[in-house]
Amino acid sequence: MSNDSVAAILMASGFSKRFGEKNKLLVPFRGKALARYTLELVAGMDFSSGVFFIAASDEVAALSADLASVTVIKNSGAGKGQRESVRLGIRACGADYFLFFPCDQPFLDRESVRLILETRTPGCIIEPRYMGRPGNPCLFSAYFREELLSLGEGEKPRLIKTRHPEALRGVELSNPLALKDIDDEEDLKRLS
């Protein structure tokens, strides 16, 4: 693994429309709020350029109150879509790599994150996969910094993966649940 600096950017500004009125990141899952799993995982690892929790609501931001290594960044432009969280996270740090975490994958584990980090390569995008199926978190080299900062309304980092297939590197994970996310009440029940 190289000594290049990595920033963890936790994306917690979505509106969870498939959860109705509830913010899914606050929904209890196996005894704690859903977003807390990602927060605890990332706070327990060493990210040399910092851990940035991009939250739109005060309630979600408060989930990290006891985690000294986590910097909360308030996203008052969450209505602009995921690109606003991407911009806020990137602008907050000077890193060689950006690892973008969704906060709805409670089974993501340290070993899976370590594999992603070990695969990092300058000028590349690292995408975790299980049995060939892609997932998150994805790691972007700072080579893509300006392109990430210039995403248009409604655009997501995955667009950059589409634009640069030559830069995309997959890393196969062994944990079958690591990439499972909870998008709606049905997922919540099934994975509970």
N, C-alpha and C. Protein backbone atom coordinates (compact mmCIF):
# COMPACT_ATOMS: atom_id res chain seq x y z
N MET A 1 0.85 -1.19 0.00
CA MET A 1 0.00 0.00 0.00
C MET A 1 0.89 1.24 0.00
N SER A 2 0.52 2.20 -0.81
CA SER A 2 1.33 3.42 -0.88
C SER A 2 1.04 4.32 0.31
N ASN A 3 1.87 5.34 0.48
CA ASN A 3 1.70 6.27 1.59
C ASN A 3 0.92 7.52 1.19
N ASP A 4 0.31 7.49 0.02
CA ASP A 4 -0.47 8.64 -0.42
C ASP A 4 -1.61 8.90 0.55
N SER A 5 -2.01 10.16 0.65
CA SER A 5 -3.07 10.53 1.60
C SER A 5 -4.46 10.22 1.04
N VAL A 6 -5.32 9.77 1.96
CA VAL A 6 -6.69 9.41 1.60
C VAL A 6 -7.66 10.12 2.53
N ALA A 7 -8.71 10.68 1.95
CA ALA A 7 -9.79 11.27 2.73
C ALA A 7 -11.02 10.38 2.61
N ALA A 8 -11.67 10.15 3.73
CA ALA A 8 -12.95 9.42 3.73
C ALA A 8 -14.05 10.47 3.70
N ILE A 9 -14.93 10.37 2.72
CA ILE A 9 -16.03 11.32 2.58
C ILE A 9 -17.33 10.53 2.71
N LEU A 10 -18.05 10.78 3.81
CA LEU A 10 -19.28 10.06 4.10
C LEU A 10 -20.47 10.87 3.61
N MET A 11 -21.20 10.30 2.70
CA MET A 11 -22.30 10.98 2.03
C MET A 11 -23.60 10.74 2.81
N ALA A 12 -24.04 11.73 3.56
CA ALA A 12 -25.22 11.57 4.42
C ALA A 12 -26.20 12.72 4.24
N SER A 13 -26.43 13.11 3.00
CA SER A 13 -27.30 14.26 2.74
C SER A 13 -28.53 13.93 1.91
N GLY A 14 -28.74 12.64 1.62
CA GLY A 14 -29.88 12.27 0.78
C GLY A 14 -31.21 12.45 1.49
N PHE A 15 -32.26 12.37 0.71
CA PHE A 15 -33.60 12.57 1.26
C PHE A 15 -34.36 11.27 1.50
N SER A 16 -33.76 10.13 1.22
CA SER A 16 -34.36 8.82 1.48
C SER A 16 -35.82 8.76 1.07
N LYS A 17 -36.13 9.16 -0.12
CA LYS A 17 -37.53 9.24 -0.57
C LYS A 17 -38.26 7.90 -0.49
N ARG A 18 -37.52 6.80 -0.65
CA ARG A 18 -38.17 5.49 -0.60
C ARG A 18 -38.52 5.07 0.83
N PHE A 19 -38.13 5.87 1.81
CA PHE A 19 -38.46 5.59 3.20
C PHE A 19 -39.61 6.47 3.69
N GLY A 20 -40.28 7.14 2.77
CA GLY A 20 -41.40 8.00 3.16
C GLY A 20 -40.92 9.21 3.93
N GLU A 21 -41.52 9.47 5.07
CA GLU A 21 -41.20 10.66 5.87
C GLU A 21 -39.93 10.49 6.71
N LYS A 22 -39.50 9.25 6.90
CA LYS A 22 -38.35 8.99 7.77
C LYS A 22 -37.03 9.23 7.04
N ASN A 23 -36.05 9.70 7.78
CA ASN A 23 -34.69 9.76 7.24
C ASN A 23 -34.06 8.40 7.51
N LYS A 24 -33.77 7.66 6.46
CA LYS A 24 -33.31 6.28 6.67
C LYS A 24 -32.03 6.19 7.47
N LEU A 25 -31.20 7.22 7.43
CA LEU A 25 -29.93 7.16 8.16
C LEU A 25 -30.14 7.16 9.67
N LEU A 26 -31.32 7.59 10.11
CA LEU A 26 -31.65 7.60 11.53
C LEU A 26 -32.45 6.37 11.96
N VAL A 27 -32.88 5.57 11.00
CA VAL A 27 -33.71 4.40 11.30
C VAL A 27 -32.89 3.37 12.08
N PRO A 28 -33.45 2.84 13.19
CA PRO A 28 -32.72 1.82 13.95
C PRO A 28 -32.55 0.53 13.15
N PHE A 29 -31.34 0.01 13.17
CA PHE A 29 -31.03 -1.26 12.53
C PHE A 29 -30.15 -2.05 13.49
N ARG A 30 -30.66 -3.15 13.97
CA ARG A 30 -29.91 -3.99 14.92
C ARG A 30 -29.34 -3.19 16.09
N GLY A 31 -30.15 -2.28 16.62
CA GLY A 31 -29.77 -1.59 17.85
C GLY A 31 -29.12 -0.23 17.72
N LYS A 32 -28.86 0.23 16.50
CA LYS A 32 -28.31 1.58 16.35
C LYS A 32 -28.76 2.20 15.04
N ALA A 33 -28.63 3.51 14.96
CA ALA A 33 -29.02 4.22 13.74
C ALA A 33 -28.19 3.70 12.56
N LEU A 34 -28.83 3.56 11.41
CA LEU A 34 -28.19 2.98 10.24
C LEU A 34 -26.86 3.63 9.88
N ALA A 35 -26.79 4.95 9.89
CA ALA A 35 -25.54 5.65 9.52
C ALA A 35 -24.42 5.42 10.52
N ARG A 36 -24.77 5.04 11.73
CA ARG A 36 -23.77 4.86 12.77
C ARG A 36 -22.78 3.73 12.42
N TYR A 37 -23.22 2.74 11.66
CA TYR A 37 -22.32 1.64 11.28
C TYR A 37 -21.14 2.15 10.46
N THR A 38 -21.44 2.97 9.46
CA THR A 38 -20.37 3.52 8.62
C THR A 38 -19.50 4.47 9.43
N LEU A 39 -20.13 5.30 10.25
CA LEU A 39 -19.37 6.24 11.08
C LEU A 39 -18.37 5.51 11.97
N GLU A 40 -18.81 4.48 12.65
CA GLU A 40 -17.92 3.75 13.57
C GLU A 40 -16.81 3.03 12.80
N LEU A 41 -17.16 2.43 11.67
CA LEU A 41 -16.16 1.75 10.85
C LEU A 41 -15.05 2.72 10.44
N VAL A 42 -15.44 3.83 9.85
CA VAL A 42 -14.47 4.78 9.31
C VAL A 42 -13.70 5.49 10.41
N ALA A 43 -14.38 5.83 11.51
CA ALA A 43 -13.70 6.51 12.62
C ALA A 43 -12.64 5.61 13.25
N GLY A 44 -12.80 4.30 13.11
CA GLY A 44 -11.84 3.36 13.69
C GLY A 44 -10.67 3.04 12.77
N MET A 45 -10.60 3.69 11.62
CA MET A 45 -9.52 3.47 10.67
C MET A 45 -8.70 4.74 10.54
N ASP A 46 -7.52 4.61 9.97
CA ASP A 46 -6.63 5.77 9.85
C ASP A 46 -6.71 6.35 8.43
N PHE A 47 -7.41 7.47 8.31
CA PHE A 47 -7.46 8.19 7.05
C PHE A 47 -6.62 9.44 7.19
N SER A 48 -5.47 9.44 6.54
CA SER A 48 -4.47 10.49 6.74
C SER A 48 -4.93 11.90 6.40
N SER A 49 -5.90 12.02 5.49
CA SER A 49 -6.40 13.36 5.15
C SER A 49 -7.73 13.67 5.82
N GLY A 50 -8.18 12.80 6.71
CA GLY A 50 -9.37 13.08 7.51
C GLY A 50 -10.61 12.32 7.09
N VAL A 51 -11.60 12.41 7.99
CA VAL A 51 -12.92 11.80 7.79
C VAL A 51 -13.92 12.95 7.79
N PHE A 52 -14.70 13.07 6.71
CA PHE A 52 -15.63 14.18 6.55
C PHE A 52 -17.05 13.63 6.38
N PHE A 53 -17.90 13.99 7.31
CA PHE A 53 -19.29 13.52 7.36
C PHE A 53 -20.18 14.63 6.81
N ILE A 54 -20.65 14.46 5.59
CA ILE A 54 -21.42 15.50 4.91
C ILE A 54 -22.90 15.25 5.19
N ALA A 55 -23.47 16.06 6.08
CA ALA A 55 -24.85 15.84 6.55
C ALA A 55 -25.72 17.06 6.29
N ALA A 56 -26.95 16.81 5.87
CA ALA A 56 -27.89 17.90 5.60
C ALA A 56 -28.71 18.25 6.84
N SER A 57 -28.95 17.27 7.70
CA SER A 57 -29.79 17.53 8.88
C SER A 57 -28.96 17.51 10.16
N ASP A 58 -29.40 18.30 11.12
CA ASP A 58 -28.73 18.35 12.42
C ASP A 58 -28.82 17.01 13.13
N GLU A 59 -29.95 16.31 12.96
CA GLU A 59 -30.13 15.01 13.61
C GLU A 59 -29.13 13.99 13.10
N VAL A 60 -28.90 13.99 11.79
CA VAL A 60 -27.92 13.06 11.22
C VAL A 60 -26.51 13.48 11.65
N ALA A 61 -26.21 14.76 11.60
CA ALA A 61 -24.89 15.25 12.01
C ALA A 61 -24.58 14.85 13.45
N ALA A 62 -25.59 14.86 14.30
CA ALA A 62 -25.41 14.54 15.73
C ALA A 62 -24.98 13.09 15.95
N LEU A 63 -25.18 12.22 14.97
CA LEU A 63 -24.77 10.82 15.12
C LEU A 63 -23.26 10.68 15.31
N SER A 64 -22.50 11.69 14.92
CA SER A 64 -21.04 11.62 15.02
C SER A 64 -20.49 12.41 16.21
N ALA A 65 -21.37 12.90 17.06
CA ALA A 65 -20.96 13.82 18.13
C ALA A 65 -19.84 13.27 19.03
N ASP A 66 -19.80 11.97 19.25
CA ASP A 66 -18.80 11.38 20.15
C ASP A 66 -17.56 10.87 19.42
N LEU A 67 -17.46 11.12 18.12
CA LEU A 67 -16.34 10.60 17.33
C LEU A 67 -15.39 11.75 16.97
N ALA A 68 -14.34 11.88 17.75
CA ALA A 68 -13.43 13.02 17.61
C ALA A 68 -12.74 13.08 16.25
N SER A 69 -12.55 11.95 15.60
CA SER A 69 -11.82 11.96 14.32
C SER A 69 -12.71 12.36 13.14
N VAL A 70 -14.00 12.57 13.39
CA VAL A 70 -14.94 12.88 12.31
C VAL A 70 -15.23 14.38 12.27
N THR A 71 -15.06 14.98 11.10
CA THR A 71 -15.39 16.40 10.89
C THR A 71 -16.73 16.47 10.18
N VAL A 72 -17.69 17.13 10.82
CA VAL A 72 -19.01 17.29 10.21
C VAL A 72 -19.01 18.51 9.31
N ILE A 73 -19.55 18.35 8.13
CA ILE A 73 -19.73 19.47 7.20
C ILE A 73 -21.21 19.55 6.89
N LYS A 74 -21.79 20.68 7.22
CA LYS A 74 -23.23 20.89 6.98
C LYS A 74 -23.47 21.13 5.49
N ASN A 75 -24.39 20.37 4.93
CA ASN A 75 -24.74 20.51 3.53
C ASN A 75 -26.08 21.24 3.42
N SER A 76 -26.02 22.54 3.22
CA SER A 76 -27.26 23.32 3.10
C SER A 76 -27.77 23.32 1.66
N GLY A 77 -27.03 22.69 0.76
CA GLY A 77 -27.45 22.61 -0.63
C GLY A 77 -27.79 21.19 -1.05
N ALA A 78 -28.32 20.40 -0.12
CA ALA A 78 -28.60 18.99 -0.42
C ALA A 78 -29.58 18.81 -1.56
N GLY A 79 -30.43 19.81 -1.79
CA GLY A 79 -31.39 19.74 -2.89
C GLY A 79 -30.73 19.71 -4.25
N LYS A 80 -29.45 20.06 -4.31
CA LYS A 80 -28.72 20.05 -5.58
C LYS A 80 -28.24 18.64 -5.94
N GLY A 81 -28.49 17.70 -5.06
CA GLY A 81 -28.12 16.32 -5.33
C GLY A 81 -26.77 15.94 -4.76
N GLN A 82 -26.35 14.72 -5.09
CA GLN A 82 -25.13 14.14 -4.56
C GLN A 82 -23.89 14.98 -4.88
N ARG A 83 -23.93 15.68 -6.00
CA ARG A 83 -22.76 16.46 -6.40
C ARG A 83 -22.36 17.48 -5.33
N GLU A 84 -23.34 18.00 -4.57
CA GLU A 84 -23.02 19.00 -3.55
C GLU A 84 -22.22 18.36 -2.41
N SER A 85 -22.57 17.15 -2.02
CA SER A 85 -21.80 16.43 -0.99
C SER A 85 -20.39 16.14 -1.49
N VAL A 86 -20.29 15.76 -2.75
CA VAL A 86 -18.98 15.49 -3.36
C VAL A 86 -18.11 16.74 -3.28
N ARG A 87 -18.65 17.86 -3.70
CA ARG A 87 -17.90 19.13 -3.70
C ARG A 87 -17.48 19.54 -2.30
N LEU A 88 -18.40 19.47 -1.36
CA LEU A 88 -18.07 19.87 0.02
C LEU A 88 -16.95 19.00 0.59
N GLY A 89 -17.02 17.70 0.35
CA GLY A 89 -16.01 16.80 0.87
C GLY A 89 -14.64 17.04 0.24
N ILE A 90 -14.61 17.19 -1.07
CA ILE A 90 -13.33 17.40 -1.76
C ILE A 90 -12.71 18.74 -1.37
N ARG A 91 -13.53 19.77 -1.29
CA ARG A 91 -12.99 21.09 -0.95
C ARG A 91 -12.48 21.17 0.49
N ALA A 92 -12.92 20.26 1.33
CA ALA A 92 -12.51 20.27 2.74
C ALA A 92 -11.12 19.69 2.95
N CYS A 93 -10.56 19.04 1.94
CA CYS A 93 -9.29 18.35 2.18
C CYS A 93 -8.36 18.46 0.97
N GLY A 94 -7.11 18.23 1.24
CA GLY A 94 -6.13 18.14 0.16
C GLY A 94 -5.59 16.73 0.18
N ALA A 95 -6.27 15.83 -0.51
CA ALA A 95 -5.89 14.42 -0.48
C ALA A 95 -5.45 13.94 -1.85
N ASP A 96 -4.71 12.84 -1.84
CA ASP A 96 -4.31 12.18 -3.09
C ASP A 96 -5.42 11.27 -3.61
N TYR A 97 -6.30 10.85 -2.68
CA TYR A 97 -7.42 9.97 -3.02
C TYR A 97 -8.63 10.34 -2.18
N PHE A 98 -9.83 10.13 -2.77
CA PHE A 98 -11.09 10.37 -2.08
C PHE A 98 -11.88 9.07 -2.07
N LEU A 99 -12.24 8.59 -0.88
CA LEU A 99 -13.04 7.37 -0.76
C LEU A 99 -14.44 7.79 -0.33
N PHE A 100 -15.41 7.64 -1.25
CA PHE A 100 -16.78 8.08 -1.02
C PHE A 100 -17.63 6.95 -0.45
N PHE A 101 -18.10 7.14 0.78
CA PHE A 101 -18.91 6.14 1.47
C PHE A 101 -20.38 6.53 1.48
N PRO A 102 -21.27 5.64 1.05
CA PRO A 102 -22.68 5.86 1.37
C PRO A 102 -22.84 5.47 2.84
N CYS A 103 -23.87 5.90 3.49
CA CYS A 103 -24.03 5.58 4.92
C CYS A 103 -25.19 4.62 5.16
N ASP A 104 -25.44 3.76 4.17
CA ASP A 104 -26.56 2.81 4.30
C ASP A 104 -26.11 1.36 4.05
N GLN A 105 -24.82 1.08 4.32
CA GLN A 105 -24.28 -0.27 4.14
C GLN A 105 -23.78 -0.79 5.49
N PRO A 106 -24.67 -1.30 6.33
CA PRO A 106 -24.27 -1.69 7.69
C PRO A 106 -23.32 -2.86 7.78
N PHE A 107 -23.17 -3.63 6.71
CA PHE A 107 -22.29 -4.81 6.76
C PHE A 107 -20.92 -4.57 6.13
N LEU A 108 -20.70 -3.35 5.66
CA LEU A 108 -19.37 -3.03 5.13
C LEU A 108 -18.37 -3.21 6.26
N ASP A 109 -17.27 -3.88 5.98
CA ASP A 109 -16.31 -4.21 7.03
C ASP A 109 -14.92 -3.66 6.74
N ARG A 110 -14.12 -3.68 7.78
CA ARG A 110 -12.75 -3.14 7.74
C ARG A 110 -11.90 -3.82 6.66
N GLU A 111 -12.03 -5.13 6.53
CA GLU A 111 -11.24 -5.88 5.56
C GLU A 111 -11.58 -5.44 4.12
N SER A 112 -12.85 -5.22 3.85
CA SER A 112 -13.27 -4.77 2.51
C SER A 112 -12.70 -3.39 2.21
N VAL A 113 -12.76 -2.50 3.18
CA VAL A 113 -12.21 -1.14 2.99
C VAL A 113 -10.70 -1.22 2.79
N ARG A 114 -10.05 -2.07 3.57
CA ARG A 114 -8.60 -2.24 3.44
C ARG A 114 -8.22 -2.70 2.04
N LEU A 115 -8.99 -3.65 1.48
CA LEU A 115 -8.71 -4.14 0.12
C LEU A 115 -8.84 -3.01 -0.91
N ILE A 116 -9.84 -2.18 -0.75
CA ILE A 116 -10.02 -1.04 -1.66
C ILE A 116 -8.82 -0.11 -1.57
N LEU A 117 -8.41 0.19 -0.34
CA LEU A 117 -7.28 1.10 -0.12
C LEU A 117 -5.98 0.52 -0.67
N GLU A 118 -5.79 -0.78 -0.51
CA GLU A 118 -4.56 -1.42 -0.99
C GLU A 118 -4.46 -1.45 -2.51
N THR A 119 -5.59 -1.33 -3.19
CA THR A 119 -5.62 -1.39 -4.64
C THR A 119 -5.40 -0.02 -5.27
N ARG A 120 -5.35 1.02 -4.47
CA ARG A 120 -5.26 2.37 -5.04
C ARG A 120 -4.02 2.54 -5.92
N THR A 121 -4.26 3.26 -7.01
CA THR A 121 -3.25 3.49 -8.04
C THR A 121 -3.44 4.90 -8.57
N PRO A 122 -2.37 5.67 -8.73
CA PRO A 122 -2.52 7.03 -9.28
C PRO A 122 -3.28 7.02 -10.61
N GLY A 123 -4.18 7.97 -10.76
CA GLY A 123 -4.92 8.11 -12.01
C GLY A 123 -6.04 7.10 -12.21
N CYS A 124 -6.36 6.33 -11.15
CA CYS A 124 -7.37 5.28 -11.29
C CYS A 124 -8.57 5.51 -10.36
N ILE A 125 -9.63 4.77 -10.67
CA ILE A 125 -10.84 4.72 -9.85
C ILE A 125 -10.97 3.26 -9.41
N ILE A 126 -11.08 3.04 -8.12
CA ILE A 126 -11.19 1.68 -7.59
C ILE A 126 -12.64 1.42 -7.20
N GLU A 127 -13.19 0.35 -7.77
CA GLU A 127 -14.59 0.01 -7.56
C GLU A 127 -14.67 -1.37 -6.90
N PRO A 128 -15.27 -1.47 -5.70
CA PRO A 128 -15.42 -2.79 -5.08
C PRO A 128 -16.51 -3.60 -5.79
N ARG A 129 -16.31 -4.91 -5.83
CA ARG A 129 -17.28 -5.79 -6.49
C ARG A 129 -17.44 -7.05 -5.66
N TYR A 130 -18.62 -7.63 -5.77
CA TYR A 130 -18.83 -8.96 -5.20
C TYR A 130 -19.42 -9.82 -6.30
N MET A 131 -18.73 -10.89 -6.65
CA MET A 131 -19.10 -11.77 -7.76
C MET A 131 -19.33 -10.95 -9.03
N GLY A 132 -18.45 -9.98 -9.23
CA GLY A 132 -18.49 -9.16 -10.43
C GLY A 132 -19.45 -7.99 -10.40
N ARG A 133 -20.35 -7.94 -9.42
CA ARG A 133 -21.33 -6.85 -9.34
C ARG A 133 -20.72 -5.67 -8.59
N PRO A 134 -20.75 -4.47 -9.21
CA PRO A 134 -20.12 -3.30 -8.59
C PRO A 134 -20.92 -2.72 -7.44
N GLY A 135 -20.21 -2.02 -6.54
CA GLY A 135 -20.86 -1.37 -5.41
C GLY A 135 -20.04 -0.20 -4.91
N ASN A 136 -20.26 0.15 -3.68
CA ASN A 136 -19.56 1.26 -3.01
C ASN A 136 -18.97 0.77 -1.70
N PRO A 137 -17.98 1.46 -1.19
CA PRO A 137 -17.48 2.79 -1.55
C PRO A 137 -16.45 2.74 -2.69
N CYS A 138 -16.47 3.78 -3.53
CA CYS A 138 -15.51 3.89 -4.63
C CYS A 138 -14.42 4.88 -4.26
N LEU A 139 -13.23 4.56 -4.69
CA LEU A 139 -12.06 5.40 -4.41
C LEU A 139 -11.63 6.09 -5.71
N PHE A 140 -11.51 7.41 -5.66
CA PHE A 140 -11.10 8.19 -6.81
C PHE A 140 -9.74 8.82 -6.55
N SER A 141 -8.85 8.68 -7.50
CA SER A 141 -7.56 9.37 -7.45
C SER A 141 -7.84 10.87 -7.59
N ALA A 142 -7.00 11.69 -6.97
CA ALA A 142 -7.13 13.15 -7.09
C ALA A 142 -6.96 13.62 -8.54
N TYR A 143 -6.49 12.74 -9.40
CA TYR A 143 -6.43 13.04 -10.83
C TYR A 143 -7.81 13.49 -11.34
N PHE A 144 -8.87 13.00 -10.70
CA PHE A 144 -10.25 13.31 -11.10
C PHE A 144 -10.86 14.44 -10.27
N ARG A 145 -10.05 15.12 -9.48
CA ARG A 145 -10.56 16.16 -8.58
C ARG A 145 -11.40 17.21 -9.30
N GLU A 146 -10.86 17.81 -10.33
CA GLU A 146 -11.58 18.88 -11.04
C GLU A 146 -12.85 18.36 -11.71
N GLU A 147 -12.77 17.16 -12.22
CA GLU A 147 -13.96 16.58 -12.86
C GLU A 147 -15.05 16.29 -11.83
N LEU A 148 -14.64 15.84 -10.65
CA LEU A 148 -15.61 15.62 -9.56
C LEU A 148 -16.23 16.94 -9.12
N LEU A 149 -15.41 17.98 -9.03
CA LEU A 149 -15.90 19.29 -8.60
C LEU A 149 -16.83 19.92 -9.64
N SER A 150 -16.70 19.51 -10.89
CA SER A 150 -17.51 20.13 -11.94
C SER A 150 -18.73 19.30 -12.35
N LEU A 151 -19.11 18.31 -11.54
CA LEU A 151 -20.31 17.54 -11.85
C LEU A 151 -21.51 18.48 -11.96
N GLY A 152 -22.37 18.23 -12.91
CA GLY A 152 -23.56 19.06 -13.11
C GLY A 152 -24.70 18.61 -12.21
N GLU A 153 -25.77 19.37 -12.25
CA GLU A 153 -26.94 19.05 -11.42
C GLU A 153 -27.47 17.67 -11.78
N GLY A 154 -27.68 16.87 -10.74
CA GLY A 154 -28.18 15.52 -10.93
C GLY A 154 -27.12 14.50 -11.28
N GLU A 155 -25.90 14.94 -11.55
CA GLU A 155 -24.83 14.01 -11.89
C GLU A 155 -24.17 13.45 -10.63
N LYS A 156 -23.72 12.21 -10.74
CA LYS A 156 -23.08 11.51 -9.61
C LYS A 156 -21.68 11.07 -10.04
N PRO A 157 -20.82 10.75 -9.07
CA PRO A 157 -19.46 10.30 -9.42
C PRO A 157 -19.43 9.12 -10.38
N ARG A 158 -20.48 8.30 -10.40
CA ARG A 158 -20.47 7.14 -11.31
C ARG A 158 -20.36 7.57 -12.78
N LEU A 159 -20.78 8.80 -13.07
CA LEU A 159 -20.64 9.32 -14.44
C LEU A 159 -19.18 9.35 -14.87
N ILE A 160 -18.30 9.66 -13.94
CA ILE A 160 -16.86 9.71 -14.24
C ILE A 160 -16.33 8.31 -14.53
N LYS A 161 -16.87 7.32 -13.84
CA LYS A 161 -16.49 5.93 -14.14
C LYS A 161 -16.88 5.58 -15.58
N THR A 162 -18.04 6.06 -16.00
CA THR A 162 -18.51 5.79 -17.37
C THR A 162 -17.63 6.50 -18.39
N ARG A 163 -17.23 7.72 -18.07
CA ARG A 163 -16.39 8.50 -18.99
C ARG A 163 -14.98 7.94 -19.13
N HIS A 164 -14.50 7.28 -18.08
CA HIS A 164 -13.10 6.82 -18.05
C HIS A 164 -13.00 5.32 -17.75
N PRO A 165 -13.53 4.48 -18.63
CA PRO A 165 -13.46 3.03 -18.37
C PRO A 165 -12.02 2.52 -18.28
N GLU A 166 -11.09 3.22 -18.95
CA GLU A 166 -9.68 2.81 -18.91
C GLU A 166 -9.06 3.00 -17.53
N ALA A 167 -9.67 3.86 -16.71
CA ALA A 167 -9.13 4.15 -15.37
C ALA A 167 -9.76 3.28 -14.29
N LEU A 168 -10.80 2.56 -14.65
CA LEU A 168 -11.57 1.78 -13.67
C LEU A 168 -10.88 0.46 -13.34
N ARG A 169 -10.68 0.22 -12.05
CA ARG A 169 -10.09 -1.03 -11.56
C ARG A 169 -11.06 -1.64 -10.55
N GLY A 170 -11.37 -2.91 -10.74
CA GLY A 170 -12.25 -3.59 -9.79
C GLY A 170 -11.45 -4.33 -8.75
N VAL A 171 -12.01 -4.39 -7.54
CA VAL A 171 -11.41 -5.21 -6.49
C VAL A 171 -12.52 -6.12 -5.95
N GLU A 172 -12.27 -7.42 -6.02
CA GLU A 172 -13.28 -8.40 -5.62
C GLU A 172 -13.24 -8.60 -4.11
N LEU A 173 -14.40 -8.42 -3.47
CA LEU A 173 -14.51 -8.57 -2.02
C LEU A 173 -14.98 -9.98 -1.69
N SER A 174 -14.62 -10.45 -0.49
CA SER A 174 -15.03 -11.80 -0.09
C SER A 174 -16.28 -11.79 0.78
N ASN A 175 -16.63 -10.65 1.37
CA ASN A 175 -17.81 -10.55 2.24
C ASN A 175 -19.06 -10.39 1.36
N PRO A 176 -19.96 -11.38 1.34
CA PRO A 176 -21.13 -11.30 0.47
C PRO A 176 -22.10 -10.18 0.85
N LEU A 177 -22.03 -9.69 2.08
CA LEU A 177 -22.95 -8.64 2.52
C LEU A 177 -22.36 -7.23 2.49
N ALA A 178 -21.06 -7.13 2.26
CA ALA A 178 -20.37 -5.83 2.38
C ALA A 178 -21.00 -4.74 1.54
N LEU A 179 -21.46 -5.07 0.34
CA LEU A 179 -21.97 -4.05 -0.58
C LEU A 179 -23.49 -3.90 -0.54
N LYS A 180 -24.14 -4.66 0.35
CA LYS A 180 -25.60 -4.57 0.46
C LYS A 180 -25.98 -3.26 1.12
N ASP A 181 -26.89 -2.53 0.45
CA ASP A 181 -27.35 -1.28 1.04
C ASP A 181 -28.84 -1.38 1.38
N ILE A 182 -29.27 -0.51 2.25
CA ILE A 182 -30.66 -0.48 2.66
C ILE A 182 -31.30 0.74 2.03
N ASP A 183 -32.12 0.49 1.01
CA ASP A 183 -32.75 1.58 0.27
C ASP A 183 -34.19 1.83 0.69
N ASP A 184 -34.85 0.79 1.22
CA ASP A 184 -36.25 0.96 1.58
C ASP A 184 -36.61 0.04 2.74
N GLU A 185 -37.87 0.11 3.18
CA GLU A 185 -38.33 -0.67 4.34
C GLU A 185 -38.20 -2.18 4.09
N GLU A 186 -38.37 -2.59 2.85
CA GLU A 186 -38.26 -4.00 2.53
C GLU A 186 -36.82 -4.49 2.74
N ASP A 187 -35.84 -3.71 2.28
CA ASP A 187 -34.44 -4.05 2.52
C ASP A 187 -34.16 -4.13 4.02
N LEU A 188 -34.71 -3.18 4.75
CA LEU A 188 -34.50 -3.13 6.20
C LEU A 188 -34.99 -4.42 6.85
N LYS A 189 -36.18 -4.84 6.49
CA LYS A 189 -36.76 -6.08 7.07
C LYS A 189 -35.94 -7.29 6.66
N ARG A 190 -35.61 -7.36 5.36
CA ARG A 190 -34.90 -8.52 4.84
C ARG A 190 -33.52 -8.68 5.48
N LEU A 191 -32.80 -7.56 5.66
CA LEU A 191 -31.44 -7.63 6.19
C LEU A 191 -31.38 -7.63 7.72
N SER A 192 -32.51 -7.34 8.35
CA SER A 192 -32.56 -7.40 9.83
C SER A 192 -32.53 -8.85 10.26
